Amino acid sequence: MSVLPPDLPRLRTLATYLRGELSRTEQALAAAEKRKATTTRQQPAPEPPAWLVERGIGVGRLPVRVHAGDCWDTRSRCAPADADQIRALLAQGIPACPHCRPDTALGVLE
């Protein structure tokens, strides 16, 4: 059983009404998307971490290298760390990135 009217005049009226509702809905959607885009642009980007720990692949994911936060040679396996954690890892023998040299920046020389 259909909820639509069976006669042609009422079906045309309904189609006209629904086209209008669709148009208003699309306008409201466009306005909402514009507001969201404006809000997103106004929020500042999050501050990048000062130091990064690069972890290995596999179970346990042990640290394999340390980086400065703005290093170009980081990979997706990096996690933020603070200066004390980086110093401790360097003291344990985890190598420093040869490009950004976090050991030099922290005053930890080999």
C-alpha atoms as a PDB file:
ATOM      1  CA  MET A   1       0.000   0.000   0.000  1.00  0.00           C
ATOM      2  CA  SER A   2       1.426   3.362  -1.076  1.00  0.00           C
ATOM      3  CA  VAL A   3       1.153   6.533   0.998  1.00  0.00           C
ATOM      4  CA  LEU A   4       1.194   8.632  -2.184  1.00  0.00           C
ATOM      5  CA  PRO A   5      -2.054   9.966  -3.628  1.00  0.00           C
ATOM      6  CA  PRO A   6      -3.274   8.116  -6.720  1.00  0.00           C
ATOM      7  CA  ASP A   7      -4.438  11.100  -8.784  1.00  0.00           C
ATOM      8  CA  LEU A   8      -2.281  13.242 -11.074  1.00  0.00           C
ATOM      9  CA  PRO A   9      -3.036  16.734  -9.664  1.00  0.00           C
ATOM     10  CA  ARG A  10      -2.108  15.804  -6.107  1.00  0.00           C
ATOM     11  CA  LEU A  11       1.037  13.962  -7.282  1.00  0.00           C
ATOM     12  CA  ARG A  12       2.129  17.104  -9.186  1.00  0.00           C
ATOM     13  CA  THR A  13       1.469  19.256  -6.132  1.00  0.00           C
ATOM     14  CA  LEU A  14       3.469  16.890  -3.974  1.00  0.00           C
ATOM     15  CA  ALA A  15       6.378  16.860  -6.469  1.00  0.00           C
ATOM     16  CA  THR A  16       6.399  20.680  -6.557  1.00  0.00           C
ATOM     17  CA  TYR A  17       6.403  20.826  -2.763  1.00  0.00           C
ATOM     18  CA  LEU A  18       9.226  18.286  -2.474  1.00  0.00           C
ATOM     19  CA  ARG A  19      11.360  20.154  -5.051  1.00  0.00           C
ATOM     20  CA  GLY A  20      11.016  23.280  -2.918  1.00  0.00           C
ATOM     21  CA  GLU A  21      11.926  21.396   0.235  1.00  0.00           C
ATOM     22  CA  LEU A  22      14.920  19.849  -1.512  1.00  0.00           C
ATOM     23  CA  SER A  23      16.092  23.281  -2.643  1.00  0.00           C
ATOM     24  CA  ARG A  24      15.788  24.715   0.885  1.00  0.00           C
ATOM     25  CA  THR A  25      17.581  21.685   2.315  1.00  0.00           C
ATOM     26  CA  GLU A  26      20.454  22.027  -0.160  1.00  0.00           C
ATOM     27  CA  GLN A  27      20.778  25.746   0.692  1.00  0.00           C
ATOM     28  CA  ALA A  28      20.850  24.971   4.424  1.00  0.00           C
ATOM     29  CA  LEU A  29      23.442  22.248   3.809  1.00  0.00           C
ATOM     30  CA  ALA A  30      25.658  24.619   1.807  1.00  0.00           C
ATOM     31  CA  ALA A  31      25.430  27.251   4.554  1.00  0.00           C
ATOM     32  CA  ALA A  32      26.334  24.700   7.240  1.00  0.00           C
ATOM     33  CA  GLU A  33      29.318  23.468   5.223  1.00  0.00           C
ATOM     34  CA  LYS A  34      30.499  27.059   4.721  1.00  0.00           C
ATOM     35  CA  ARG A  35      30.232  27.740   8.479  1.00  0.00           C
ATOM     36  CA  LYS A  36      32.204  24.588   9.265  1.00  0.00           C
ATOM     37  CA  ALA A  37      34.907  25.462   6.739  1.00  0.00           C
ATOM     38  CA  THR A  38      35.204  28.967   8.193  1.00  0.00           C
ATOM     39  CA  THR A  39      35.452  27.608  11.729  1.00  0.00           C
ATOM     40  CA  THR A  40      38.076  25.054  10.698  1.00  0.00           C
ATOM     41  CA  ARG A  41      40.212  27.709   9.008  1.00  0.00           C
ATOM     42  CA  GLN A  42      40.073  29.978  12.050  1.00  0.00           C
ATOM     43  CA  GLN A  43      41.477  27.370  14.439  1.00  0.00           C
ATOM     44  CA  PRO A  44      45.269  27.500  14.640  1.00  0.00           C
ATOM     45  CA  ALA A  45      47.228  24.401  13.768  1.00  0.00           C
ATOM     46  CA  PRO A  46      48.373  22.424  16.811  1.00  0.00           C
ATOM     47  CA  GLU A  47      51.887  23.097  17.993  1.00  0.00           C
ATOM     48  CA  PRO A  48      54.262  20.385  16.759  1.00  0.00           C
ATOM     49  CA  PRO A  49      56.056  18.393  19.466  1.00  0.00           C
ATOM     50  CA  ALA A  50      59.574  19.521  20.327  1.00  0.00           C
ATOM     51  CA  TRP A  51      61.009  15.983  20.287  1.00  0.00           C
ATOM     52  CA  LEU A  52      60.060  12.678  18.674  1.00  0.00           C
ATOM     53  CA  VAL A  53      60.890   9.038  19.349  1.00  0.00           C
ATOM     54  CA  GLU A  54      60.925   6.786  16.298  1.00  0.00           C
ATOM     55  CA  ARG A  55      59.828   3.261  17.144  1.00  0.00           C
ATOM     56  CA  GLY A  56      60.600   0.021  15.346  1.00  0.00           C
ATOM     57  CA  ILE A  57      58.219  -2.401  13.700  1.00  0.00           C
ATOM     58  CA  GLY A  58      56.653  -5.373  15.476  1.00  0.00           C
ATOM     59  CA  VAL A  59      55.727  -6.447  18.941  1.00  0.00           C
ATOM     60  CA  GLY A  60      57.096  -4.173  21.627  1.00  0.00           C
ATOM     61  CA  ARG A  61      58.003  -1.424  19.135  1.00  0.00           C
ATOM     62  CA  LEU A  62      61.255  -0.434  20.808  1.00  0.00           C
ATOM     63  CA  PRO A  63      62.790   3.006  20.205  1.00  0.00           C
ATOM     64  CA  VAL A  64      65.209   2.987  17.273  1.00  0.00           C
ATOM     65  CA  ARG A  65      66.055   6.684  16.834  1.00  0.00           C
ATOM     66  CA  VAL A  66      65.294  10.102  18.337  1.00  0.00           C
ATOM     67  CA  HIS A  67      64.472  13.295  16.402  1.00  0.00           C
ATOM     68  CA  ALA A  68      63.838  16.981  16.897  1.00  0.00           C
ATOM     69  CA  GLY A  69      60.171  17.828  16.362  1.00  0.00           C
ATOM     70  CA  ASP A  70      60.786  19.708  13.112  1.00  0.00           C
ATOM     71  CA  CYS A  71      62.966  17.014  11.507  1.00  0.00           C
ATOM     72  CA  TRP A  72      62.198  16.268   7.863  1.00  0.00           C
ATOM     73  CA  ASP A  73      63.333  12.643   8.174  1.00  0.00           C
ATOM     74  CA  THR A  74      60.624  11.448  10.561  1.00  0.00           C
ATOM     75  CA  ARG A  75      58.323   8.566   9.746  1.00  0.00           C
ATOM     76  CA  SER A  76      54.825   7.535  10.741  1.00  0.00           C
ATOM     77  CA  ARG A  77      56.173   5.471  13.638  1.00  0.00           C
ATOM     78  CA  CYS A  78      57.153   8.568  15.649  1.00  0.00           C
ATOM     79  CA  ALA A  79      55.610   9.571  18.954  1.00  0.00           C
ATOM     80  CA  PRO A  80      56.039  12.858  20.860  1.00  0.00           C
ATOM     81  CA  ALA A  81      58.416  12.933  23.809  1.00  0.00           C
ATOM     82  CA  ASP A  82      59.803  15.487  26.227  1.00  0.00           C
ATOM     83  CA  ALA A  83      63.436  16.531  26.528  1.00  0.00           C
ATOM     84  CA  ASP A  84      64.098  14.335  29.577  1.00  0.00           C
ATOM     85  CA  GLN A  85      62.837  11.231  27.757  1.00  0.00           C
ATOM     86  CA  ILE A  86      65.079  12.018  24.783  1.00  0.00           C
ATOM     87  CA  ARG A  87      68.098  12.516  27.048  1.00  0.00           C
ATOM     88  CA  ALA A  88      67.374   9.173  28.776  1.00  0.00           C
ATOM     89  CA  LEU A  89      67.070   7.365  25.439  1.00  0.00           C
ATOM     90  CA  LEU A  90      70.313   8.905  24.196  1.00  0.00           C
ATOM     91  CA  ALA A  91      72.014   7.794  27.445  1.00  0.00           C
ATOM     92  CA  GLN A  92      70.718   4.244  26.799  1.00  0.00           C
ATOM     93  CA  GLY A  93      72.436   4.243  23.416  1.00  0.00           C
ATOM     94  CA  ILE A  94      69.471   4.963  21.136  1.00  0.00           C
ATOM     95  CA  PRO A  95      70.989   6.797  18.144  1.00  0.00           C
ATOM     96  CA  ALA A  96      70.160  10.391  17.317  1.00  0.00           C
ATOM     97  CA  CYS A  97      68.947  11.355  13.866  1.00  0.00           C
ATOM     98  CA  PRO A  98      71.967  12.409  11.797  1.00  0.00           C
ATOM     99  CA  HIS A  99      69.953  15.171  10.118  1.00  0.00           C
ATOM    100  CA  CYS A 100      68.343  17.099  12.979  1.00  0.00           C
ATOM    101  CA  ARG A 101      70.918  16.133  15.661  1.00  0.00           C
ATOM    102  CA  PRO A 102      68.737  16.258  18.802  1.00  0.00           C
ATOM    103  CA  ASP A 103      71.746  15.201  20.878  1.00  0.00           C
ATOM    104  CA  THR A 104      73.570  18.395  19.919  1.00  0.00           C
ATOM    105  CA  ALA A 105      70.488  20.551  20.509  1.00  0.00           C
ATOM    106  CA  LEU A 106      70.070  19.073  24.009  1.00  0.00           C
ATOM    107  CA  GLY A 107      73.761  19.312  24.824  1.00  0.00           C
ATOM    108  CA  VAL A 108      74.194  15.532  25.006  1.00  0.00           C
ATOM    109  CA  LEU A 109      77.366  14.653  23.158  1.00  0.00           C
ATOM    110  CA  GLU A 110      78.549  11.135  22.493  1.00  0.00           C
END
